[in-house]
N, C-alpha and C. Protein backbone atom coordinates (compact mmCIF):
# COMPACT_ATOMS: atom_id res chain seq x y z
N UNK A 1 -26.46 -45.21 48.31
CA UNK A 1 -27.22 -44.46 47.34
C UNK A 1 -28.47 -45.28 46.99
N UNK A 2 -29.64 -44.67 47.12
CA UNK A 2 -30.88 -45.34 46.80
C UNK A 2 -31.24 -45.10 45.35
N UNK A 3 -31.60 -46.17 44.67
CA UNK A 3 -32.02 -46.08 43.27
C UNK A 3 -33.52 -46.28 43.18
N UNK A 4 -34.01 -46.54 41.98
CA UNK A 4 -35.45 -46.74 41.79
C UNK A 4 -35.91 -48.07 42.37
N UNK A 5 -37.17 -48.13 42.75
CA UNK A 5 -37.81 -49.38 43.17
C UNK A 5 -37.09 -50.11 44.29
N UNK A 6 -36.60 -49.37 45.28
CA UNK A 6 -35.97 -50.02 46.42
C UNK A 6 -34.61 -50.63 46.15
N UNK A 7 -33.96 -50.24 45.08
CA UNK A 7 -32.62 -50.74 44.75
C UNK A 7 -31.59 -49.81 45.40
N UNK A 8 -30.47 -50.37 45.82
CA UNK A 8 -29.44 -49.59 46.51
C UNK A 8 -28.05 -49.93 45.98
N UNK A 9 -27.17 -48.97 46.12
CA UNK A 9 -25.73 -49.20 46.00
C UNK A 9 -25.15 -48.78 47.33
N UNK A 10 -24.58 -49.72 48.06
CA UNK A 10 -24.06 -49.43 49.39
C UNK A 10 -22.56 -49.16 49.38
N UNK A 11 -21.93 -49.23 48.23
CA UNK A 11 -20.50 -49.00 48.15
C UNK A 11 -19.75 -50.32 48.05
N UNK A 12 -18.46 -50.24 48.24
CA UNK A 12 -17.63 -51.44 48.14
C UNK A 12 -17.18 -51.89 49.52
N UNK A 13 -16.83 -53.14 49.63
CA UNK A 13 -16.27 -53.69 50.86
C UNK A 13 -15.01 -54.45 50.48
N UNK A 14 -14.10 -54.56 51.42
CA UNK A 14 -12.88 -55.33 51.20
C UNK A 14 -12.97 -56.64 51.95
N UNK A 15 -12.44 -57.68 51.35
CA UNK A 15 -12.38 -58.98 51.99
C UNK A 15 -11.11 -59.02 52.83
N UNK A 16 -11.27 -59.34 54.10
CA UNK A 16 -10.13 -59.40 55.01
C UNK A 16 -9.35 -60.69 54.87
N UNK A 17 -8.29 -60.81 55.63
CA UNK A 17 -7.41 -61.98 55.59
C UNK A 17 -8.15 -63.29 55.85
N UNK A 18 -9.19 -63.24 56.68
CA UNK A 18 -9.95 -64.44 57.02
C UNK A 18 -11.18 -64.62 56.14
N UNK A 19 -11.27 -63.85 55.06
CA UNK A 19 -12.41 -63.95 54.15
C UNK A 19 -13.65 -63.22 54.64
N UNK A 20 -13.51 -62.37 55.63
CA UNK A 20 -14.64 -61.65 56.20
C UNK A 20 -14.86 -60.32 55.51
N UNK A 21 -16.13 -59.90 55.47
CA UNK A 21 -16.47 -58.56 54.99
C UNK A 21 -17.30 -57.87 56.07
N UNK A 22 -17.35 -56.56 56.00
CA UNK A 22 -18.20 -55.78 56.89
C UNK A 22 -19.36 -55.27 56.05
N UNK A 23 -20.58 -55.57 56.50
CA UNK A 23 -21.77 -55.07 55.81
C UNK A 23 -21.94 -53.61 56.20
N UNK A 24 -21.99 -52.70 55.22
CA UNK A 24 -22.09 -51.27 55.54
C UNK A 24 -23.29 -50.96 56.45
N UNK A 25 -23.12 -49.99 57.32
CA UNK A 25 -24.17 -49.61 58.28
C UNK A 25 -25.48 -49.30 57.59
N UNK A 26 -25.45 -48.57 56.50
CA UNK A 26 -26.69 -48.22 55.80
C UNK A 26 -27.43 -49.49 55.36
N UNK A 27 -26.70 -50.48 54.87
CA UNK A 27 -27.32 -51.74 54.45
C UNK A 27 -27.89 -52.47 55.66
N UNK A 28 -27.15 -52.49 56.77
CA UNK A 28 -27.66 -53.14 57.99
C UNK A 28 -28.93 -52.45 58.48
N UNK A 29 -28.97 -51.13 58.39
CA UNK A 29 -30.16 -50.38 58.81
C UNK A 29 -31.34 -50.67 57.89
N UNK A 30 -31.13 -50.61 56.58
CA UNK A 30 -32.22 -50.82 55.62
C UNK A 30 -32.82 -52.22 55.77
N UNK A 31 -31.95 -53.22 55.98
CA UNK A 31 -32.42 -54.61 56.03
C UNK A 31 -32.55 -55.14 57.46
N UNK A 32 -32.43 -54.24 58.43
CA UNK A 32 -32.61 -54.58 59.85
C UNK A 32 -31.75 -55.77 60.25
N UNK A 33 -30.48 -55.72 59.89
CA UNK A 33 -29.52 -56.77 60.25
C UNK A 33 -28.85 -56.37 61.56
N UNK A 34 -28.97 -57.26 62.53
CA UNK A 34 -28.44 -57.00 63.87
C UNK A 34 -27.37 -58.03 64.21
N UNK A 35 -26.49 -57.71 65.17
CA UNK A 35 -25.50 -58.69 65.60
C UNK A 35 -26.18 -59.98 66.04
N UNK A 36 -25.66 -61.11 65.61
CA UNK A 36 -26.21 -62.41 65.96
C UNK A 36 -27.22 -62.94 64.96
N UNK A 37 -27.68 -62.11 64.00
CA UNK A 37 -28.60 -62.59 62.97
C UNK A 37 -27.91 -63.63 62.11
N UNK A 38 -28.68 -64.60 61.64
CA UNK A 38 -28.16 -65.60 60.70
C UNK A 38 -28.47 -65.15 59.29
N UNK A 39 -27.46 -65.19 58.43
CA UNK A 39 -27.62 -64.81 57.03
C UNK A 39 -27.30 -66.00 56.16
N UNK A 40 -28.04 -66.13 55.08
CA UNK A 40 -27.83 -67.21 54.13
C UNK A 40 -27.07 -66.64 52.94
N UNK A 41 -25.98 -67.27 52.56
CA UNK A 41 -25.18 -66.83 51.44
C UNK A 41 -25.49 -67.71 50.24
N UNK A 42 -26.03 -67.09 49.18
CA UNK A 42 -26.38 -67.80 47.95
C UNK A 42 -25.39 -67.41 46.87
N UNK A 43 -25.14 -68.31 45.94
CA UNK A 43 -24.20 -67.99 44.88
C UNK A 43 -24.61 -68.57 43.55
N UNK A 44 -24.31 -67.84 42.52
CA UNK A 44 -24.51 -68.27 41.13
C UNK A 44 -23.25 -67.87 40.40
N UNK A 45 -22.59 -68.83 39.75
CA UNK A 45 -21.30 -68.54 39.11
C UNK A 45 -21.40 -67.45 38.06
N UNK A 46 -22.56 -67.26 37.45
CA UNK A 46 -22.70 -66.23 36.41
C UNK A 46 -23.19 -64.91 36.99
N UNK A 47 -24.06 -64.95 38.02
CA UNK A 47 -24.67 -63.72 38.53
C UNK A 47 -24.02 -63.18 39.79
N UNK A 48 -23.32 -64.00 40.54
CA UNK A 48 -22.64 -63.51 41.73
C UNK A 48 -23.21 -64.06 43.02
N UNK A 49 -23.01 -63.30 44.09
CA UNK A 49 -23.37 -63.71 45.44
C UNK A 49 -24.51 -62.84 45.95
N UNK A 50 -25.42 -63.47 46.70
CA UNK A 50 -26.50 -62.74 47.36
C UNK A 50 -26.52 -63.15 48.83
N UNK A 51 -26.82 -62.21 49.68
CA UNK A 51 -26.93 -62.46 51.12
C UNK A 51 -28.37 -62.18 51.52
N UNK A 52 -29.00 -63.16 52.17
CA UNK A 52 -30.40 -63.06 52.54
C UNK A 52 -30.54 -63.40 54.02
N UNK A 53 -31.40 -62.65 54.72
CA UNK A 53 -31.66 -63.01 56.11
C UNK A 53 -32.29 -64.40 56.13
N UNK A 54 -31.77 -65.24 56.99
CA UNK A 54 -32.19 -66.63 57.08
C UNK A 54 -33.70 -66.76 57.26
N UNK A 55 -34.28 -65.92 58.13
CA UNK A 55 -35.71 -66.04 58.40
C UNK A 55 -36.56 -65.69 57.18
N UNK A 56 -36.07 -64.79 56.32
CA UNK A 56 -36.83 -64.45 55.11
C UNK A 56 -36.85 -65.63 54.14
N UNK A 57 -35.73 -66.32 54.00
CA UNK A 57 -35.69 -67.47 53.11
C UNK A 57 -36.53 -68.61 53.68
N UNK A 58 -36.52 -68.77 55.00
CA UNK A 58 -37.34 -69.80 55.64
C UNK A 58 -38.82 -69.51 55.41
N UNK A 59 -39.24 -68.25 55.55
CA UNK A 59 -40.64 -67.87 55.31
C UNK A 59 -41.00 -68.11 53.85
N UNK A 60 -40.10 -67.77 52.94
CA UNK A 60 -40.33 -67.98 51.52
C UNK A 60 -40.55 -69.47 51.24
N UNK A 61 -39.72 -70.32 51.83
CA UNK A 61 -39.86 -71.77 51.65
C UNK A 61 -41.19 -72.26 52.21
N UNK A 62 -41.59 -71.74 53.37
CA UNK A 62 -42.88 -72.12 53.95
C UNK A 62 -44.03 -71.71 53.03
N UNK A 63 -43.95 -70.51 52.46
CA UNK A 63 -45.00 -70.04 51.55
C UNK A 63 -45.10 -70.93 50.32
N UNK A 64 -43.97 -71.39 49.81
CA UNK A 64 -43.98 -72.30 48.65
C UNK A 64 -44.66 -73.61 49.02
N UNK A 65 -44.31 -74.16 50.18
CA UNK A 65 -44.92 -75.42 50.61
C UNK A 65 -46.41 -75.26 50.84
N UNK A 66 -46.81 -74.14 51.43
CA UNK A 66 -48.23 -73.89 51.68
C UNK A 66 -48.99 -73.78 50.35
N UNK A 67 -48.41 -73.08 49.38
CA UNK A 67 -49.04 -72.94 48.05
C UNK A 67 -49.18 -74.31 47.39
N UNK A 68 -48.18 -75.17 47.56
CA UNK A 68 -48.24 -76.52 46.99
C UNK A 68 -49.37 -77.32 47.63
N UNK A 69 -49.54 -77.20 48.95
CA UNK A 69 -50.62 -77.90 49.65
C UNK A 69 -51.97 -77.45 49.14
N UNK A 70 -52.14 -76.15 48.91
CA UNK A 70 -53.40 -75.61 48.42
C UNK A 70 -53.69 -76.16 47.03
N UNK A 71 -52.68 -76.20 46.16
CA UNK A 71 -52.85 -76.74 44.81
C UNK A 71 -53.26 -78.21 44.85
N UNK A 72 -52.65 -78.97 45.75
CA UNK A 72 -52.97 -80.39 45.85
C UNK A 72 -54.40 -80.59 46.36
N UNK A 73 -54.85 -79.74 47.27
CA UNK A 73 -56.22 -79.82 47.78
C UNK A 73 -57.25 -79.49 46.70
N UNK A 74 -56.88 -78.62 45.78
CA UNK A 74 -57.80 -78.22 44.71
C UNK A 74 -57.94 -79.28 43.63
N UNK A 75 -56.96 -80.16 43.52
CA UNK A 75 -56.97 -81.17 42.45
C UNK A 75 -57.88 -82.33 42.77
């Protein structure tokens, strides 16, 4: 179910005996998750778990480093 501003509810998943979950097809389609993709699992004890495509987090980290370099050049 799609909500406002690109927010979704994809339903529930069950954790299997080995701790595995299946990411619903609609979620895989929306986020272009393919077999073999690397996903980063983030956790916050108060807010819960987030799953992010590894390459998106890597790009985010690169953007932060690039912004820091620009700030240092301006000083």
